[in-house]
């Protein structure tokens, strides 16, 4: 009899509770949800700041020591308490943003900005430093992936931060200065090839290298054209031959040095396009004849020579370079 009464009470309670929930009545919860709410309000919220500070301290100590002993499971458990499917509507999102995310990102940025550059006397030492930097970033990101909540964009922001600011601006300037010397030494580009592997993972440094490549192509091309300025002005076809040769030479250099480096090809295109539009010969010749007209005459002259003068492979390469020159104004738009 008592078992029957107990079952009846439980059934009546469940039916009543469901009706209250369906009607939208406030202040009525299922027992598990109510327990979660009490746990959140009484235990979690008052102690969240202390718990988060412990997590942040542990992460930073591990960051400095580069050990794999970080208790990612405990950190994830603490953060996940605020993203349970039953409690997500109860928590104020600002608690996570203000108490954890902002501090987490600020501490990481401060750590990397404070790092000092070791003494680097050779390209091998620079390569080793960049490789170590990339390894440290990968280490951080992989660990963060184990404890950061998937519901938040923190991991993406953290990844972008590390790849864009892996060291201070002072260190960046020192490295860029060393890269500038390497870019100017075309006979020793194998050093630059090795350095590009870790550099491609460091967004800001990669962008600086692209600027160096673009500037180098522009300046070398300008120096070449200015050294024979007067001769080319009186001979438009020689001018076209010269700029075709410049394009072929430096495109081949970039392609062979940075295999698969499409971003470097784009940097080359921009530097070359700037050269075509700003070199003094082009400006003076265009007064009497457009670049398109000169190119047409050059193509006609080359075709009249036939395959006896130019091998098929060489002719195809020249055609490719000529088409690039036709497209130069489009590149700059």
C-alpha atoms as a PDB file:
ATOM      1  CA  UNK A   1       0.000   0.000   0.000  1.00  0.00           C
ATOM      2  CA  UNK A   2       2.812   2.410   0.930  1.00  0.00           C
ATOM      3  CA  UNK A   3       4.579   1.557  -2.317  1.00  0.00           C
ATOM      4  CA  UNK A   4       1.400   2.403  -4.237  1.00  0.00           C
ATOM      5  CA  UNK A   5       1.038   5.762  -2.456  1.00  0.00           C
ATOM      6  CA  UNK A   6       4.674   6.545  -3.113  1.00  0.00           C
ATOM      7  CA  UNK A   7       4.313   5.797  -6.826  1.00  0.00           C
ATOM      8  CA  UNK A   8       1.146   7.884  -7.000  1.00  0.00           C
ATOM      9  CA  UNK A   9       2.864  10.852  -5.345  1.00  0.00           C
ATOM     10  CA  UNK A  10       5.857  10.636  -7.695  1.00  0.00           C
ATOM     11  CA  UNK A  11       3.573  10.385 -10.724  1.00  0.00           C
ATOM     12  CA  UNK A  12       1.434  13.322  -9.540  1.00  0.00           C
ATOM     13  CA  UNK A  13       4.538  15.398  -8.890  1.00  0.00           C
ATOM     14  CA  UNK A  14       5.967  14.678 -12.344  1.00  0.00           C
ATOM     15  CA  UNK A  15       2.652  15.444 -14.059  1.00  0.00           C
ATOM     16  CA  UNK A  16       2.235  18.645 -12.061  1.00  0.00           C
ATOM     17  CA  UNK A  17       5.843  19.689 -12.707  1.00  0.00           C
ATOM     18  CA  UNK A  18       5.535  19.076 -16.433  1.00  0.00           C
ATOM     19  CA  UNK A  19       2.329  21.111 -16.595  1.00  0.00           C
ATOM     20  CA  UNK A  20       4.041  23.998 -14.804  1.00  0.00           C
ATOM     21  CA  UNK A  21       6.985  23.878 -17.181  1.00  0.00           C
ATOM     22  CA  UNK A  22       4.712  23.676 -20.222  1.00  0.00           C
ATOM     23  CA  UNK A  23       2.744  26.689 -19.023  1.00  0.00           C
ATOM     24  CA  UNK A  24       5.949  28.737 -18.771  1.00  0.00           C
ATOM     25  CA  UNK A  25       5.734  29.287 -15.038  1.00  0.00           C
ATOM     26  CA  UNK A  26       8.907  30.848 -13.602  1.00  0.00           C
ATOM     27  CA  UNK A  27      10.755  29.541 -10.566  1.00  0.00           C
ATOM     28  CA  UNK A  28       9.877  25.898 -11.177  1.00  0.00           C
ATOM     29  CA  UNK A  29      12.683  23.466 -12.094  1.00  0.00           C
ATOM     30  CA  UNK A  30      13.318  19.786 -12.401  1.00  0.00           C
ATOM     31  CA  UNK A  31      15.303  18.477  -9.455  1.00  0.00           C
ATOM     32  CA  UNK A  32      18.530  17.971 -11.431  1.00  0.00           C
ATOM     33  CA  UNK A  33      18.316  21.460 -12.944  1.00  0.00           C
ATOM     34  CA  UNK A  34      17.556  22.972  -9.536  1.00  0.00           C
ATOM     35  CA  UNK A  35      20.550  21.168  -8.041  1.00  0.00           C
ATOM     36  CA  UNK A  36      22.723  22.485 -10.870  1.00  0.00           C
ATOM     37  CA  UNK A  37      21.472  26.011 -10.274  1.00  0.00           C
ATOM     38  CA  UNK A  38      22.127  25.813  -6.536  1.00  0.00           C
ATOM     39  CA  UNK A  39      25.610  24.403  -7.219  1.00  0.00           C
ATOM     40  CA  UNK A  40      26.312  27.228  -9.626  1.00  0.00           C
ATOM     41  CA  UNK A  41      25.045  30.040  -7.410  1.00  0.00           C
ATOM     42  CA  UNK A  42      26.413  28.794  -4.069  1.00  0.00           C
ATOM     43  CA  UNK A  43      29.665  27.062  -5.025  1.00  0.00           C
ATOM     44  CA  UNK A  44      30.845  28.000  -8.504  1.00  0.00           C
ATOM     45  CA  UNK A  45      30.239  31.717  -8.820  1.00  0.00           C
ATOM     46  CA  UNK A  46      31.749  32.741  -5.451  1.00  0.00           C
ATOM     47  CA  UNK A  47      34.898  30.694  -6.060  1.00  0.00           C
ATOM     48  CA  UNK A  48      35.260  31.108  -9.812  1.00  0.00           C
ATOM     49  CA  UNK A  49      37.860  33.872  -9.564  1.00  0.00           C
ATOM     50  CA  UNK A  50      40.064  31.772  -7.282  1.00  0.00           C
ATOM     51  CA  UNK A  51      39.673  28.659  -9.426  1.00  0.00           C
ATOM     52  CA  UNK A  52      40.475  30.557 -12.597  1.00  0.00           C
ATOM     53  CA  UNK A  53      43.535  32.187 -11.028  1.00  0.00           C
ATOM     54  CA  UNK A  54      44.849  28.744 -10.097  1.00  0.00           C
ATOM     55  CA  UNK A  55      44.304  27.607 -13.698  1.00  0.00           C
ATOM     56  CA  UNK A  56      46.015  30.666 -15.178  1.00  0.00           C
ATOM     57  CA  UNK A  57      48.977  30.310 -12.819  1.00  0.00           C
ATOM     58  CA  UNK A  58      49.399  26.636 -13.712  1.00  0.00           C
ATOM     59  CA  UNK A  59      49.239  27.404 -17.435  1.00  0.00           C
ATOM     60  CA  UNK A  60      51.834  30.164 -17.159  1.00  0.00           C
ATOM     61  CA  UNK A  61      54.234  28.085 -15.049  1.00  0.00           C
ATOM     62  CA  UNK A  62      53.976  25.303 -17.600  1.00  0.00           C
ATOM     63  CA  UNK A  63      54.538  27.809 -20.408  1.00  0.00           C
ATOM     64  CA  UNK A  64      57.803  28.926 -18.817  1.00  0.00           C
ATOM     65  CA  UNK A  65      59.091  25.436 -18.072  1.00  0.00           C
ATOM     66  CA  UNK A  66      57.852  23.811 -21.312  1.00  0.00           C
ATOM     67  CA  UNK A  67      56.850  20.650 -19.471  1.00  0.00           C
ATOM     68  CA  UNK A  68      54.043  18.326 -20.513  1.00  0.00           C
ATOM     69  CA  UNK A  69      52.824  17.952 -16.929  1.00  0.00           C
ATOM     70  CA  UNK A  70      50.007  20.513 -17.137  1.00  0.00           C
ATOM     71  CA  UNK A  71      46.815  19.066 -15.672  1.00  0.00           C
ATOM     72  CA  UNK A  72      44.652  19.877 -18.684  1.00  0.00           C
ATOM     73  CA  UNK A  73      41.832  17.607 -17.497  1.00  0.00           C
ATOM     74  CA  UNK A  74      41.321  19.584 -14.287  1.00  0.00           C
ATOM     75  CA  UNK A  75      41.432  22.915 -16.129  1.00  0.00           C
ATOM     76  CA  UNK A  76      38.965  21.636 -18.702  1.00  0.00           C
ATOM     77  CA  UNK A  77      36.678  20.354 -15.931  1.00  0.00           C
ATOM     78  CA  UNK A  78      36.614  23.770 -14.238  1.00  0.00           C
ATOM     79  CA  UNK A  79      35.918  25.623 -17.488  1.00  0.00           C
ATOM     80  CA  UNK A  80      33.323  23.094 -18.629  1.00  0.00           C
ATOM     81  CA  UNK A  81      31.348  23.648 -15.440  1.00  0.00           C
ATOM     82  CA  UNK A  82      30.313  26.931 -16.992  1.00  0.00           C
ATOM     83  CA  UNK A  83      29.258  25.384 -20.280  1.00  0.00           C
ATOM     84  CA  UNK A  84      27.110  22.458 -19.206  1.00  0.00           C
ATOM     85  CA  UNK A  85      24.038  22.183 -21.429  1.00  0.00           C
ATOM     86  CA  UNK A  86      21.777  22.537 -18.367  1.00  0.00           C
ATOM     87  CA  UNK A  87      23.555  25.576 -16.973  1.00  0.00           C
ATOM     88  CA  UNK A  88      24.638  27.499 -20.035  1.00  0.00           C
ATOM     89  CA  UNK A  89      21.520  29.677 -19.907  1.00  0.00           C
ATOM     90  CA  UNK A  90      22.049  30.385 -16.216  1.00  0.00           C
ATOM     91  CA  UNK A  91      25.597  31.697 -16.468  1.00  0.00           C
ATOM     92  CA  UNK A  92      26.566  35.193 -17.438  1.00  0.00           C
ATOM     93  CA  UNK A  93      28.883  34.961 -20.444  1.00  0.00           C
ATOM     94  CA  UNK A  94      30.839  37.950 -19.121  1.00  0.00           C
ATOM     95  CA  UNK A  95      32.091  35.800 -16.238  1.00  0.00           C
ATOM     96  CA  UNK A  96      34.082  33.647 -18.649  1.00  0.00           C
ATOM     97  CA  UNK A  97      35.149  36.574 -20.833  1.00  0.00           C
ATOM     98  CA  UNK A  98      36.301  38.842 -17.999  1.00  0.00           C
ATOM     99  CA  UNK A  99      37.614  36.261 -15.558  1.00  0.00           C
ATOM    100  CA  UNK A 100      39.331  33.846 -17.918  1.00  0.00           C
ATOM    101  CA  UNK A 101      39.542  34.614 -21.634  1.00  0.00           C
ATOM    102  CA  UNK A 102      40.875  38.178 -21.450  1.00  0.00           C
ATOM    103  CA  UNK A 103      43.402  37.340 -18.731  1.00  0.00           C
ATOM    104  CA  UNK A 104      44.447  34.137 -20.501  1.00  0.00           C
ATOM    105  CA  UNK A 105      45.196  36.009 -23.742  1.00  0.00           C
ATOM    106  CA  UNK A 106      46.865  38.975 -22.007  1.00  0.00           C
ATOM    107  CA  UNK A 107      49.205  36.731 -20.000  1.00  0.00           C
ATOM    108  CA  UNK A 108      50.215  34.804 -23.124  1.00  0.00           C
ATOM    109  CA  UNK A 109      50.903  37.980 -25.119  1.00  0.00           C
ATOM    110  CA  UNK A 110      52.867  39.509 -22.249  1.00  0.00           C
ATOM    111  CA  UNK A 111      54.997  36.361 -21.908  1.00  0.00           C
ATOM    112  CA  UNK A 112      56.059  36.336 -25.554  1.00  0.00           C
ATOM    113  CA  UNK A 113      56.601  40.090 -25.728  1.00  0.00           C
ATOM    114  CA  UNK A 114      58.959  39.913 -22.743  1.00  0.00           C
ATOM    115  CA  UNK A 115      61.117  37.140 -24.180  1.00  0.00           C
ATOM    116  CA  UNK A 116      64.666  38.161 -25.045  1.00  0.00           C
ATOM    117  CA  UNK A 117      66.437  37.307 -28.265  1.00  0.00           C
ATOM    118  CA  UNK A 118      69.438  35.027 -27.746  1.00  0.00           C
ATOM    119  CA  UNK A 119      72.751  35.901 -29.365  1.00  0.00           C
ATOM    120  CA  UNK A 120      72.479  34.926 -33.037  1.00  0.00           C
ATOM    121  CA  UNK A 121      75.735  35.038 -34.985  1.00  0.00           C
ATOM    122  CA  UNK A 122      74.945  32.740 -37.895  1.00  0.00           C
ATOM    123  CA  UNK A 123      72.073  31.791 -40.168  1.00  0.00           C
ATOM    124  CA  UNK A 124      72.058  28.321 -38.619  1.00  0.00           C
ATOM    125  CA  UNK A 125      71.445  29.857 -35.194  1.00  0.00           C
ATOM    126  CA  UNK A 126      68.660  32.007 -36.635  1.00  0.00           C
ATOM    127  CA  UNK A 127      67.105  28.919 -38.217  1.00  0.00           C
ATOM    128  CA  UNK A 128      67.283  27.051 -34.913  1.00  0.00           C
ATOM    129  CA  UNK A 129      65.688  29.977 -33.061  1.00  0.00           C
ATOM    130  CA  UNK A 130      62.792  30.178 -35.536  1.00  0.00           C
ATOM    131  CA  UNK A 131      62.265  26.408 -35.433  1.00  0.00           C
ATOM    132  CA  UNK A 132      62.168  26.496 -31.633  1.00  0.00           C
ATOM    133  CA  UNK A 133      59.686  29.377 -31.740  1.00  0.00           C
ATOM    134  CA  UNK A 134      57.358  27.416 -34.031  1.00  0.00           C
ATOM    135  CA  UNK A 135      57.691  24.302 -31.850  1.00  0.00           C
ATOM    136  CA  UNK A 136      56.785  26.309 -28.741  1.00  0.00           C
ATOM    137  CA  UNK A 137      53.734  27.752 -30.472  1.00  0.00           C
ATOM    138  CA  UNK A 138      52.572  24.307 -31.613  1.00  0.00           C
ATOM    139  CA  UNK A 139      53.127  23.010 -28.073  1.00  0.00           C
ATOM    140  CA  UNK A 140      50.981  25.800 -26.624  1.00  0.00           C
ATOM    141  CA  UNK A 141      48.190  25.397 -29.159  1.00  0.00           C
ATOM    142  CA  UNK A 142      47.991  21.612 -28.729  1.00  0.00           C
ATOM    143  CA  UNK A 143      47.794  21.971 -24.955  1.00  0.00           C
ATOM    144  CA  UNK A 144      45.199  24.747 -25.185  1.00  0.00           C
ATOM    145  CA  UNK A 145      43.093  22.586 -27.483  1.00  0.00           C
ATOM    146  CA  UNK A 146      42.852  20.043 -24.650  1.00  0.00           C
ATOM    147  CA  UNK A 147      41.257  22.416 -22.126  1.00  0.00           C
ATOM    148  CA  UNK A 148      39.660  25.406 -23.874  1.00  0.00           C
ATOM    149  CA  UNK A 149      35.871  25.095 -24.367  1.00  0.00           C
ATOM    150  CA  UNK A 150      34.801  24.324 -27.920  1.00  0.00           C
ATOM    151  CA  UNK A 151      31.786  26.623 -27.532  1.00  0.00           C
ATOM    152  CA  UNK A 152      33.990  29.713 -27.365  1.00  0.00           C
ATOM    153  CA  UNK A 153      36.329  31.266 -29.986  1.00  0.00           C
ATOM    154  CA  UNK A 154      39.196  31.442 -27.474  1.00  0.00           C
ATOM    155  CA  UNK A 155      41.342  28.810 -29.207  1.00  0.00           C
ATOM    156  CA  UNK A 156      41.094  30.557 -32.578  1.00  0.00           C
ATOM    157  CA  UNK A 157      41.970  33.934 -31.037  1.00  0.00           C
ATOM    158  CA  UNK A 158      44.838  32.352 -29.102  1.00  0.00           C
ATOM    159  CA  UNK A 159      46.228  30.670 -32.240  1.00  0.00           C
ATOM    160  CA  UNK A 160      46.110  33.923 -34.222  1.00  0.00           C
ATOM    161  CA  UNK A 161      47.811  35.757 -31.365  1.00  0.00           C
ATOM    162  CA  UNK A 162      50.740  33.335 -31.175  1.00  0.00           C
ATOM    163  CA  UNK A 163      51.287  33.219 -34.931  1.00  0.00           C
ATOM    164  CA  UNK A 164      51.145  37.002 -35.280  1.00  0.00           C
ATOM    165  CA  UNK A 165      53.030  37.988 -32.114  1.00  0.00           C
ATOM    166  CA  UNK A 166      55.478  35.217 -31.208  1.00  0.00           C
ATOM    167  CA  UNK A 167      58.039  37.806 -30.093  1.00  0.00           C
ATOM    168  CA  UNK A 168      58.392  41.530 -29.400  1.00  0.00           C
ATOM    169  CA  UNK A 169      58.695  44.196 -32.094  1.00  0.00           C
ATOM    170  CA  UNK A 170      62.367  44.681 -31.176  1.00  0.00           C
ATOM    171  CA  UNK A 171      63.113  41.022 -31.881  1.00  0.00           C
ATOM    172  CA  UNK A 172      61.039  41.198 -35.060  1.00  0.00           C
ATOM    173  CA  UNK A 173      63.088  44.155 -36.306  1.00  0.00           C
ATOM    174  CA  UNK A 174      66.370  42.338 -35.618  1.00  0.00           C
ATOM    175  CA  UNK A 175      65.216  39.247 -37.524  1.00  0.00           C
ATOM    176  CA  UNK A 176      63.876  41.330 -40.424  1.00  0.00           C
ATOM    177  CA  UNK A 177      67.265  43.059 -40.631  1.00  0.00           C
ATOM    178  CA  UNK A 178      68.996  39.689 -40.976  1.00  0.00           C
ATOM    179  CA  UNK A 179      66.467  38.560 -43.574  1.00  0.00           C
ATOM    180  CA  UNK A 180      67.042  41.731 -45.572  1.00  0.00           C
ATOM    181  CA  UNK A 181      70.732  40.850 -45.894  1.00  0.00           C
ATOM    182  CA  UNK A 182      69.828  37.359 -47.082  1.00  0.00           C
ATOM    183  CA  UNK A 183      67.286  38.622 -49.615  1.00  0.00           C
ATOM    184  CA  UNK A 184      69.887  40.947 -51.131  1.00  0.00           C
ATOM    185  CA  UNK A 185      72.362  38.053 -51.533  1.00  0.00           C
ATOM    186  CA  UNK A 186      70.924  36.240 -54.549  1.00  0.00           C
ATOM    187  CA  UNK A 187      73.895  33.864 -54.731  1.00  0.00           C
ATOM    188  CA  UNK A 188      73.121  32.410 -51.317  1.00  0.00           C
ATOM    189  CA  UNK A 189      69.366  31.879 -51.416  1.00  0.00           C
ATOM    190  CA  UNK A 190      69.635  28.307 -50.101  1.00  0.00           C
ATOM    191  CA  UNK A 191      69.925  29.855 -46.623  1.00  0.00           C
ATOM    192  CA  UNK A 192      66.670  31.711 -47.217  1.00  0.00           C
ATOM    193  CA  UNK A 193      65.025  28.512 -48.457  1.00  0.00           C
ATOM    194  CA  UNK A 194      65.700  26.761 -45.144  1.00  0.00           C
ATOM    195  CA  UNK A 195      64.520  29.755 -43.115  1.00  0.00           C
ATOM    196  CA  UNK A 196      61.260  30.014 -45.034  1.00  0.00           C
ATOM    197  CA  UNK A 197      59.974  26.712 -43.622  1.00  0.00           C
ATOM    198  CA  UNK A 198      59.508  28.013 -40.048  1.00  0.00           C
ATOM    199  CA  UNK A 199      58.803  31.569 -41.246  1.00  0.00           C
ATOM    200  CA  UNK A 200      55.708  30.471 -43.179  1.00  0.00           C
ATOM    201  CA  UNK A 201      54.135  29.538 -39.800  1.00  0.00           C
ATOM    202  CA  UNK A 202      54.746  33.003 -38.312  1.00  0.00           C
ATOM    203  CA  UNK A 203      52.261  35.328 -40.008  1.00  0.00           C
ATOM    204  CA  UNK A 204      53.777  38.707 -39.164  1.00  0.00           C
ATOM    205  CA  UNK A 205      57.336  37.642 -39.970  1.00  0.00           C
ATOM    206  CA  UNK A 206      56.161  36.024 -43.194  1.00  0.00           C
ATOM    207  CA  UNK A 207      54.479  39.279 -44.253  1.00  0.00           C
ATOM    208  CA  UNK A 208      57.705  41.169 -43.560  1.00  0.00           C
ATOM    209  CA  UNK A 209      59.643  38.720 -45.739  1.00  0.00           C
ATOM    210  CA  UNK A 210      57.118  39.187 -48.550  1.00  0.00           C
ATOM    211  CA  UNK A 211      57.655  42.954 -48.356  1.00  0.00           C
ATOM    212  CA  UNK A 212      61.420  42.426 -48.569  1.00  0.00           C
ATOM    213  CA  UNK A 213      61.032  40.215 -51.652  1.00  0.00           C
ATOM    214  CA  UNK A 214      58.720  42.741 -53.313  1.00  0.00           C
ATOM    215  CA  UNK A 215      61.084  45.641 -52.617  1.00  0.00           C
ATOM    216  CA  UNK A 216      64.151  43.673 -53.733  1.00  0.00           C
ATOM    217  CA  UNK A 217      62.602  42.716 -57.085  1.00  0.00           C
ATOM    218  CA  UNK A 218      61.545  46.312 -57.697  1.00  0.00           C
ATOM    219  CA  UNK A 219      64.935  47.809 -56.816  1.00  0.00           C
ATOM    220  CA  UNK A 220      67.017  45.261 -58.761  1.00  0.00           C
ATOM    221  CA  UNK A 221      64.831  45.700 -61.837  1.00  0.00           C
ATOM    222  CA  UNK A 222      65.038  49.495 -61.567  1.00  0.00           C
ATOM    223  CA  UNK A 223      68.837  49.361 -61.241  1.00  0.00           C
ATOM    224  CA  UNK A 224      69.059  47.169 -64.329  1.00  0.00           C
ATOM    225  CA  UNK A 225      66.860  49.406 -66.459  1.00  0.00           C
ATOM    226  CA  UNK A 226      68.463  52.664 -65.286  1.00  0.00           C
ATOM    227  CA  UNK A 227      71.947  51.453 -66.196  1.00  0.00           C
ATOM    228  CA  UNK A 228      70.935  51.269 -69.886  1.00  0.00           C
ATOM    229  CA  UNK A 229      68.252  53.932 -69.823  1.00  0.00           C
ATOM    230  CA  UNK A 230      69.261  55.991 -72.860  1.00  0.00           C
ATOM    231  CA  UNK A 231      69.851  53.008 -75.155  1.00  0.00           C
ATOM    232  CA  UNK A 232      66.426  51.545 -74.415  1.00  0.00           C
ATOM    233  CA  UNK A 233      64.552  54.790 -74.993  1.00  0.00           C
ATOM    234  CA  UNK A 234      65.772  54.848 -78.588  1.00  0.00           C
ATOM    235  CA  UNK A 235      65.068  51.145 -79.077  1.00  0.00           C
ATOM    236  CA  UNK A 236      61.631  50.139 -77.739  1.00  0.00           C
ATOM    237  CA  UNK A 237      62.063  46.510 -78.831  1.00  0.00           C
ATOM    238  CA  UNK A 238      65.252  46.218 -76.785  1.00  0.00           C
ATOM    239  CA  UNK A 239      63.316  47.664 -73.857  1.00  0.00           C
ATOM    240  CA  UNK A 240      60.731  44.889 -74.121  1.00  0.00           C
ATOM    241  CA  UNK A 241      63.467  42.271 -74.420  1.00  0.00           C
ATOM    242  CA  UNK A 242      65.106  43.673 -71.299  1.00  0.00           C
ATOM    243  CA  UNK A 243      61.976  43.659 -69.135  1.00  0.00           C
ATOM    244  CA  UNK A 244      61.089  40.156 -70.404  1.00  0.00           C
ATOM    245  CA  UNK A 245      64.553  38.960 -69.391  1.00  0.00           C
ATOM    246  CA  UNK A 246      64.222  40.608 -65.974  1.00  0.00           C
ATOM    247  CA  UNK A 247      60.879  38.901 -65.411  1.00  0.00           C
ATOM    248  CA  UNK A 248      62.174  35.494 -66.463  1.00  0.00           C
ATOM    249  CA  UNK A 249      65.325  35.753 -64.362  1.00  0.00           C
ATOM    250  CA  UNK A 250      63.676  36.702 -61.074  1.00  0.00           C
ATOM    251  CA  UNK A 251      60.591  34.543 -61.481  1.00  0.00           C
ATOM    252  CA  UNK A 252      62.847  31.521 -61.988  1.00  0.00           C
ATOM    253  CA  UNK A 253      64.909  32.531 -58.952  1.00  0.00           C
ATOM    254  CA  UNK A 254      61.825  32.767 -56.730  1.00  0.00           C
ATOM    255  CA  UNK A 255      60.255  29.553 -58.049  1.00  0.00           C
ATOM    256  CA  UNK A 256      63.418  27.503 -57.598  1.00  0.00           C
ATOM    257  CA  UNK A 257      64.195  28.964 -54.184  1.00  0.00           C
ATOM    258  CA  UNK A 258      60.718  28.719 -52.664  1.00  0.00           C
ATOM    259  CA  UNK A 259      59.085  25.666 -54.200  1.00  0.00           C
ATOM    260  CA  UNK A 260      55.343  25.885 -53.626  1.00  0.00           C
ATOM    261  CA  UNK A 261      55.605  29.369 -52.102  1.00  0.00           C
ATOM    262  CA  UNK A 262      52.635  30.937 -53.868  1.00  0.00           C
ATOM    263  CA  UNK A 263      52.625  33.951 -51.549  1.00  0.00           C
ATOM    264  CA  UNK A 264      56.190  34.731 -52.650  1.00  0.00           C
ATOM    265  CA  UNK A 265      55.155  34.559 -56.304  1.00  0.00           C
ATOM    266  CA  UNK A 266      52.469  37.134 -55.500  1.00  0.00           C
ATOM    267  CA  UNK A 267      55.105  39.330 -53.812  1.00  0.00           C
ATOM    268  CA  UNK A 268      57.280  38.993 -56.916  1.00  0.00           C
ATOM    269  CA  UNK A 269      54.344  39.975 -59.155  1.00  0.00           C
ATOM    270  CA  UNK A 270      53.685  43.083 -57.100  1.00  0.00           C
ATOM    271  CA  UNK A 271      57.314  44.161 -57.133  1.00  0.00           C
ATOM    272  CA  UNK A 272      57.579  43.579 -60.875  1.00  0.00           C
ATOM    273  CA  UNK A 273      54.284  45.363 -61.572  1.00  0.00           C
ATOM    274  CA  UNK A 274      55.482  48.368 -59.599  1.00  0.00           C
ATOM    275  CA  UNK A 275      58.695  48.371 -61.651  1.00  0.00           C
ATOM    276  CA  UNK A 276      56.843  48.220 -65.001  1.00  0.00           C
ATOM    277  CA  UNK A 277      54.605  51.148 -64.087  1.00  0.00           C
ATOM    278  CA  UNK A 278      57.257  53.360 -62.502  1.00  0.00           C
ATOM    279  CA  UNK A 279      60.488  52.831 -64.419  1.00  0.00           C
ATOM    280  CA  UNK A 280      61.655  55.953 -66.337  1.00  0.00           C
ATOM    281  CA  UNK A 281      61.976  54.211 -69.705  1.00  0.00           C
ATOM    282  CA  UNK A 282      58.354  53.100 -69.691  1.00  0.00           C
ATOM    283  CA  UNK A 283      57.184  56.623 -68.877  1.00  0.00           C
ATOM    284  CA  UNK A 284      59.221  58.242 -71.657  1.00  0.00           C
ATOM    285  CA  UNK A 285      58.425  55.639 -74.319  1.00  0.00           C
ATOM    286  CA  UNK A 286      54.694  55.785 -73.578  1.00  0.00           C
ATOM    287  CA  UNK A 287      54.682  59.389 -74.760  1.00  0.00           C
ATOM    288  CA  UNK A 288      55.000  58.252 -78.387  1.00  0.00           C
ATOM    289  CA  UNK A 289      53.865  54.642 -78.177  1.00  0.00           C
ATOM    290  CA  UNK A 290      51.766  52.593 -75.749  1.00  0.00           C
ATOM    291  CA  UNK A 291      53.232  49.557 -74.017  1.00  0.00           C
ATOM    292  CA  UNK A 292      50.705  47.344 -75.805  1.00  0.00           C
ATOM    293  CA  UNK A 293      51.902  48.653 -79.194  1.00  0.00           C
ATOM    294  CA  UNK A 294      55.527  47.998 -78.287  1.00  0.00           C
ATOM    295  CA  UNK A 295      54.695  44.480 -77.130  1.00  0.00           C
ATOM    296  CA  UNK A 296      52.813  43.799 -80.356  1.00  0.00           C
ATOM    297  CA  UNK A 297      55.827  44.885 -82.412  1.00  0.00           C
ATOM    298  CA  UNK A 298      58.120  42.775 -80.263  1.00  0.00           C
ATOM    299  CA  UNK A 299      55.945  39.684 -80.762  1.00  0.00           C
ATOM    300  CA  UNK A 300      55.786  40.338 -84.508  1.00  0.00           C
ATOM    301  CA  UNK A 301      59.564  40.691 -84.691  1.00  0.00           C
ATOM    302  CA  UNK A 302      60.133  37.472 -82.741  1.00  0.00           C
ATOM    303  CA  UNK A 303      57.639  35.522 -84.852  1.00  0.00           C
ATOM    304  CA  UNK A 304      59.327  36.677 -88.071  1.00  0.00           C
ATOM    305  CA  UNK A 305      62.600  35.185 -86.842  1.00  0.00           C
ATOM    306  CA  UNK A 306      60.866  31.810 -86.590  1.00  0.00           C
ATOM    307  CA  UNK A 307      61.963  28.697 -84.752  1.00  0.00           C
ATOM    308  CA  UNK A 308      65.441  28.882 -86.271  1.00  0.00           C
ATOM    309  CA  UNK A 309      66.344  31.681 -83.916  1.00  0.00           C
ATOM    310  CA  UNK A 310      64.361  30.550 -80.873  1.00  0.00           C
ATOM    311  CA  UNK A 311      63.730  27.021 -79.669  1.00  0.00           C
ATOM    312  CA  UNK A 312      60.140  26.033 -78.918  1.00  0.00           C
ATOM    313  CA  UNK A 313      60.673  25.846 -75.147  1.00  0.00           C
ATOM    314  CA  UNK A 314      62.392  29.228 -75.091  1.00  0.00           C
ATOM    315  CA  UNK A 315      59.661  30.748 -77.244  1.00  0.00           C
ATOM    316  CA  UNK A 316      56.913  29.408 -74.974  1.00  0.00           C
ATOM    317  CA  UNK A 317      58.718  30.848 -71.970  1.00  0.00           C
ATOM    318  CA  UNK A 318      59.014  34.230 -73.684  1.00  0.00           C
ATOM    319  CA  UNK A 319      55.318  34.172 -74.543  1.00  0.00           C
ATOM    320  CA  UNK A 320      54.458  33.483 -70.911  1.00  0.00           C
ATOM    321  CA  UNK A 321      56.582  36.419 -69.793  1.00  0.00           C
ATOM    322  CA  UNK A 322      55.072  38.701 -72.438  1.00  0.00           C
ATOM    323  CA  UNK A 323      51.545  37.796 -71.312  1.00  0.00           C
ATOM    324  CA  UNK A 324      52.501  38.694 -67.752  1.00  0.00           C
ATOM    325  CA  UNK A 325      53.608  42.134 -68.942  1.00  0.00           C
ATOM    326  CA  UNK A 326      50.256  42.560 -70.708  1.00  0.00           C
ATOM    327  CA  UNK A 327      48.544  41.806 -67.388  1.00  0.00           C
ATOM    328  CA  UNK A 328      50.690  44.120 -65.243  1.00  0.00           C
ATOM    329  CA  UNK A 329      48.156  47.016 -65.113  1.00  0.00           C
ATOM    330  CA  UNK A 330      45.537  44.494 -63.893  1.00  0.00           C
ATOM    331  CA  UNK A 331      47.803  43.382 -61.055  1.00  0.00           C
ATOM    332  CA  UNK A 332      47.955  46.882 -59.676  1.00  0.00           C
ATOM    333  CA  UNK A 333      44.225  47.519 -59.775  1.00  0.00           C
END
